[in-house]
Amino acid sequence: MHWAMAQTGMDDPLTRFNRTELEVYFKQYSFLLKKHLSKLLREFQDDKSTLKQIIDEAPSGARRVVSELS
């Protein structure tokens, strides 16, 4: 629900969207986010030291996603 509130700017997104719609939008958002992260990882392959530094400083959840994509 926090994601939907942040994305829509609404206090209660369920007044405009039903739960199923929000779930579909969240899946699309997650897919596009991972796609973008994959693109960034490919772009940094030539600069492994910077990539390592960024990953080392990232939150644990972000590091987990990077390891899943690698």
N, C-alpha and C. Protein backbone atom coordinates (compact mmCIF):
# COMPACT_ATOMS: atom_id res chain seq x y z
N MET A 1 0.82 -1.19 0.00
CA MET A 1 0.00 0.00 0.00
C MET A 1 0.87 1.26 0.00
N HIS A 2 2.01 1.22 0.70
CA HIS A 2 2.90 2.39 0.71
C HIS A 2 3.39 2.71 -0.69
N TRP A 3 3.69 1.66 -1.47
CA TRP A 3 4.15 1.88 -2.84
C TRP A 3 3.05 2.60 -3.63
N ALA A 4 1.82 2.14 -3.52
CA ALA A 4 0.71 2.74 -4.26
C ALA A 4 0.49 4.19 -3.84
N MET A 5 0.62 4.46 -2.56
CA MET A 5 0.45 5.83 -2.09
C MET A 5 1.55 6.73 -2.66
N ALA A 6 2.78 6.23 -2.68
CA ALA A 6 3.89 7.03 -3.21
C ALA A 6 3.75 7.24 -4.72
N GLN A 7 3.31 6.24 -5.44
CA GLN A 7 3.21 6.34 -6.89
C GLN A 7 2.04 7.21 -7.33
N THR A 8 0.94 7.17 -6.60
CA THR A 8 -0.25 7.92 -7.01
C THR A 8 -0.35 9.29 -6.35
N GLY A 9 0.33 9.45 -5.22
CA GLY A 9 0.20 10.69 -4.46
C GLY A 9 -1.12 10.78 -3.71
N MET A 10 -1.83 9.66 -3.65
CA MET A 10 -3.13 9.63 -2.98
C MET A 10 -2.97 9.06 -1.57
N ASP A 11 -3.78 9.57 -0.64
CA ASP A 11 -3.78 9.02 0.72
C ASP A 11 -4.35 7.61 0.74
N ASP A 12 -5.33 7.36 -0.11
CA ASP A 12 -5.95 6.04 -0.18
C ASP A 12 -6.19 5.66 -1.64
N PRO A 13 -5.21 5.03 -2.27
CA PRO A 13 -5.34 4.67 -3.69
C PRO A 13 -6.51 3.72 -3.97
N LEU A 14 -6.99 3.03 -2.94
CA LEU A 14 -8.11 2.11 -3.15
C LEU A 14 -9.42 2.85 -3.43
N THR A 15 -9.43 4.17 -3.26
CA THR A 15 -10.63 4.92 -3.63
C THR A 15 -10.74 5.07 -5.14
N ARG A 16 -9.62 4.89 -5.85
CA ARG A 16 -9.62 5.01 -7.31
C ARG A 16 -9.33 3.69 -8.00
N PHE A 17 -8.46 2.88 -7.42
CA PHE A 17 -8.04 1.61 -8.01
C PHE A 17 -8.45 0.47 -7.10
N ASN A 18 -8.79 -0.67 -7.70
CA ASN A 18 -9.06 -1.83 -6.85
C ASN A 18 -7.74 -2.56 -6.58
N ARG A 19 -7.77 -3.48 -5.64
CA ARG A 19 -6.55 -4.18 -5.23
C ARG A 19 -5.90 -4.92 -6.39
N THR A 20 -6.70 -5.54 -7.25
CA THR A 20 -6.16 -6.28 -8.39
C THR A 20 -5.41 -5.35 -9.33
N GLU A 21 -5.97 -4.17 -9.59
CA GLU A 21 -5.28 -3.21 -10.46
C GLU A 21 -3.95 -2.79 -9.85
N LEU A 22 -3.94 -2.52 -8.55
CA LEU A 22 -2.69 -2.12 -7.90
C LEU A 22 -1.66 -3.24 -7.94
N GLU A 23 -2.10 -4.48 -7.79
CA GLU A 23 -1.16 -5.61 -7.87
C GLU A 23 -0.56 -5.71 -9.27
N VAL A 24 -1.36 -5.51 -10.30
CA VAL A 24 -0.86 -5.55 -11.67
C VAL A 24 0.14 -4.41 -11.89
N TYR A 25 -0.19 -3.21 -11.43
CA TYR A 25 0.71 -2.07 -11.59
C TYR A 25 2.02 -2.31 -10.84
N PHE A 26 1.94 -2.92 -9.65
CA PHE A 26 3.15 -3.18 -8.88
C PHE A 26 4.03 -4.21 -9.58
N LYS A 27 3.43 -5.25 -10.15
CA LYS A 27 4.21 -6.25 -10.89
C LYS A 27 4.92 -5.60 -12.07
N GLN A 28 4.22 -4.71 -12.78
CA GLN A 28 4.83 -4.02 -13.91
C GLN A 28 5.98 -3.13 -13.43
N TYR A 29 5.75 -2.41 -12.34
CA TYR A 29 6.78 -1.55 -11.77
C TYR A 29 8.01 -2.38 -11.38
N SER A 30 7.79 -3.51 -10.72
CA SER A 30 8.90 -4.37 -10.30
C SER A 30 9.67 -4.90 -11.50
N PHE A 31 8.96 -5.30 -12.54
CA PHE A 31 9.60 -5.81 -13.75
C PHE A 31 10.48 -4.73 -14.37
N LEU A 32 9.93 -3.53 -14.52
CA LEU A 32 10.68 -2.44 -15.14
C LEU A 32 11.88 -2.02 -14.28
N LEU A 33 11.71 -2.06 -12.97
CA LEU A 33 12.81 -1.72 -12.07
C LEU A 33 13.97 -2.71 -12.22
N LYS A 34 13.65 -4.00 -12.26
CA LYS A 34 14.69 -5.02 -12.43
C LYS A 34 15.33 -4.92 -13.82
N LYS A 35 14.53 -4.61 -14.82
CA LYS A 35 15.07 -4.44 -16.18
C LYS A 35 16.06 -3.28 -16.21
N HIS A 36 15.71 -2.18 -15.56
CA HIS A 36 16.60 -1.02 -15.51
C HIS A 36 17.88 -1.35 -14.74
N LEU A 37 17.74 -2.06 -13.63
CA LEU A 37 18.92 -2.45 -12.85
C LEU A 37 19.84 -3.34 -13.68
N SER A 38 19.28 -4.26 -14.43
CA SER A 38 20.08 -5.13 -15.29
C SER A 38 20.85 -4.31 -16.31
N LYS A 39 20.20 -3.30 -16.86
CA LYS A 39 20.85 -2.42 -17.84
C LYS A 39 22.02 -1.67 -17.19
N LEU A 40 21.80 -1.16 -15.99
CA LEU A 40 22.87 -0.45 -15.29
C LEU A 40 24.04 -1.37 -14.98
N LEU A 41 23.75 -2.60 -14.56
CA LEU A 41 24.82 -3.55 -14.27
C LEU A 41 25.64 -3.85 -15.52
N ARG A 42 24.97 -3.99 -16.66
CA ARG A 42 25.70 -4.23 -17.92
C ARG A 42 26.58 -3.03 -18.27
N GLU A 43 26.07 -1.82 -18.05
CA GLU A 43 26.84 -0.62 -18.37
C GLU A 43 28.08 -0.47 -17.50
N PHE A 44 28.04 -1.00 -16.28
CA PHE A 44 29.17 -0.89 -15.36
C PHE A 44 30.14 -2.06 -15.46
N GLN A 45 29.92 -2.99 -16.36
CA GLN A 45 30.80 -4.15 -16.46
C GLN A 45 32.24 -3.76 -16.80
N ASP A 46 32.44 -2.67 -17.49
CA ASP A 46 33.79 -2.23 -17.83
C ASP A 46 34.48 -1.50 -16.68
N ASP A 47 33.72 -1.13 -15.67
CA ASP A 47 34.27 -0.41 -14.51
C ASP A 47 33.94 -1.21 -13.25
N LYS A 48 34.58 -2.35 -13.12
CA LYS A 48 34.25 -3.28 -12.04
C LYS A 48 34.53 -2.71 -10.65
N SER A 49 35.53 -1.85 -10.50
CA SER A 49 35.83 -1.31 -9.17
C SER A 49 34.71 -0.39 -8.69
N THR A 50 34.20 0.45 -9.59
CA THR A 50 33.08 1.32 -9.23
C THR A 50 31.83 0.49 -8.94
N LEU A 51 31.59 -0.51 -9.77
CA LEU A 51 30.43 -1.38 -9.56
C LEU A 51 30.52 -2.07 -8.20
N LYS A 52 31.69 -2.58 -7.85
CA LYS A 52 31.86 -3.25 -6.55
C LYS A 52 31.61 -2.27 -5.41
N GLN A 53 32.12 -1.05 -5.54
CA GLN A 53 31.92 -0.04 -4.50
C GLN A 53 30.44 0.28 -4.32
N ILE A 54 29.73 0.44 -5.43
CA ILE A 54 28.30 0.75 -5.36
C ILE A 54 27.54 -0.39 -4.69
N ILE A 55 27.85 -1.62 -5.10
CA ILE A 55 27.16 -2.78 -4.53
C ILE A 55 27.49 -2.93 -3.05
N ASP A 56 28.76 -2.72 -2.68
CA ASP A 56 29.15 -2.83 -1.27
C ASP A 56 28.44 -1.81 -0.39
N GLU A 57 28.13 -0.65 -0.94
CA GLU A 57 27.48 0.41 -0.16
C GLU A 57 25.95 0.33 -0.21
N ALA A 58 25.43 -0.55 -1.03
CA ALA A 58 23.98 -0.66 -1.20
C ALA A 58 23.35 -1.39 -0.01
N PRO A 59 22.07 -1.14 0.25
CA PRO A 59 21.37 -1.89 1.30
C PRO A 59 21.33 -3.38 0.98
N SER A 60 21.17 -4.20 2.00
CA SER A 60 21.21 -5.65 1.82
C SER A 60 20.16 -6.15 0.83
N GLY A 61 18.98 -5.56 0.83
CA GLY A 61 17.95 -5.96 -0.12
C GLY A 61 18.36 -5.71 -1.56
N ALA A 62 19.02 -4.59 -1.79
CA ALA A 62 19.50 -4.27 -3.14
C ALA A 62 20.61 -5.23 -3.55
N ARG A 63 21.50 -5.57 -2.61
CA ARG A 63 22.57 -6.53 -2.93
C ARG A 63 21.99 -7.89 -3.28
N ARG A 64 20.94 -8.28 -2.59
CA ARG A 64 20.29 -9.56 -2.87
C ARG A 64 19.72 -9.58 -4.29
N VAL A 65 19.08 -8.50 -4.69
CA VAL A 65 18.51 -8.43 -6.05
C VAL A 65 19.62 -8.46 -7.09
N VAL A 66 20.71 -7.76 -6.83
CA VAL A 66 21.84 -7.77 -7.77
C VAL A 66 22.39 -9.18 -7.91
N SER A 67 22.51 -9.90 -6.80
CA SER A 67 23.03 -11.27 -6.89
C SER A 67 22.06 -12.18 -7.64
N GLU A 68 20.77 -11.94 -7.53
CA GLU A 68 19.79 -12.73 -8.28
C GLU A 68 19.89 -12.46 -9.78
N LEU A 69 20.21 -11.22 -10.15
CA LEU A 69 20.29 -10.85 -11.56
C LEU A 69 21.61 -11.25 -12.20
N SER A 70 22.63 -11.43 -11.38
CA SER A 70 23.96 -11.75 -11.91
C SER A 70 24.11 -13.21 -12.24
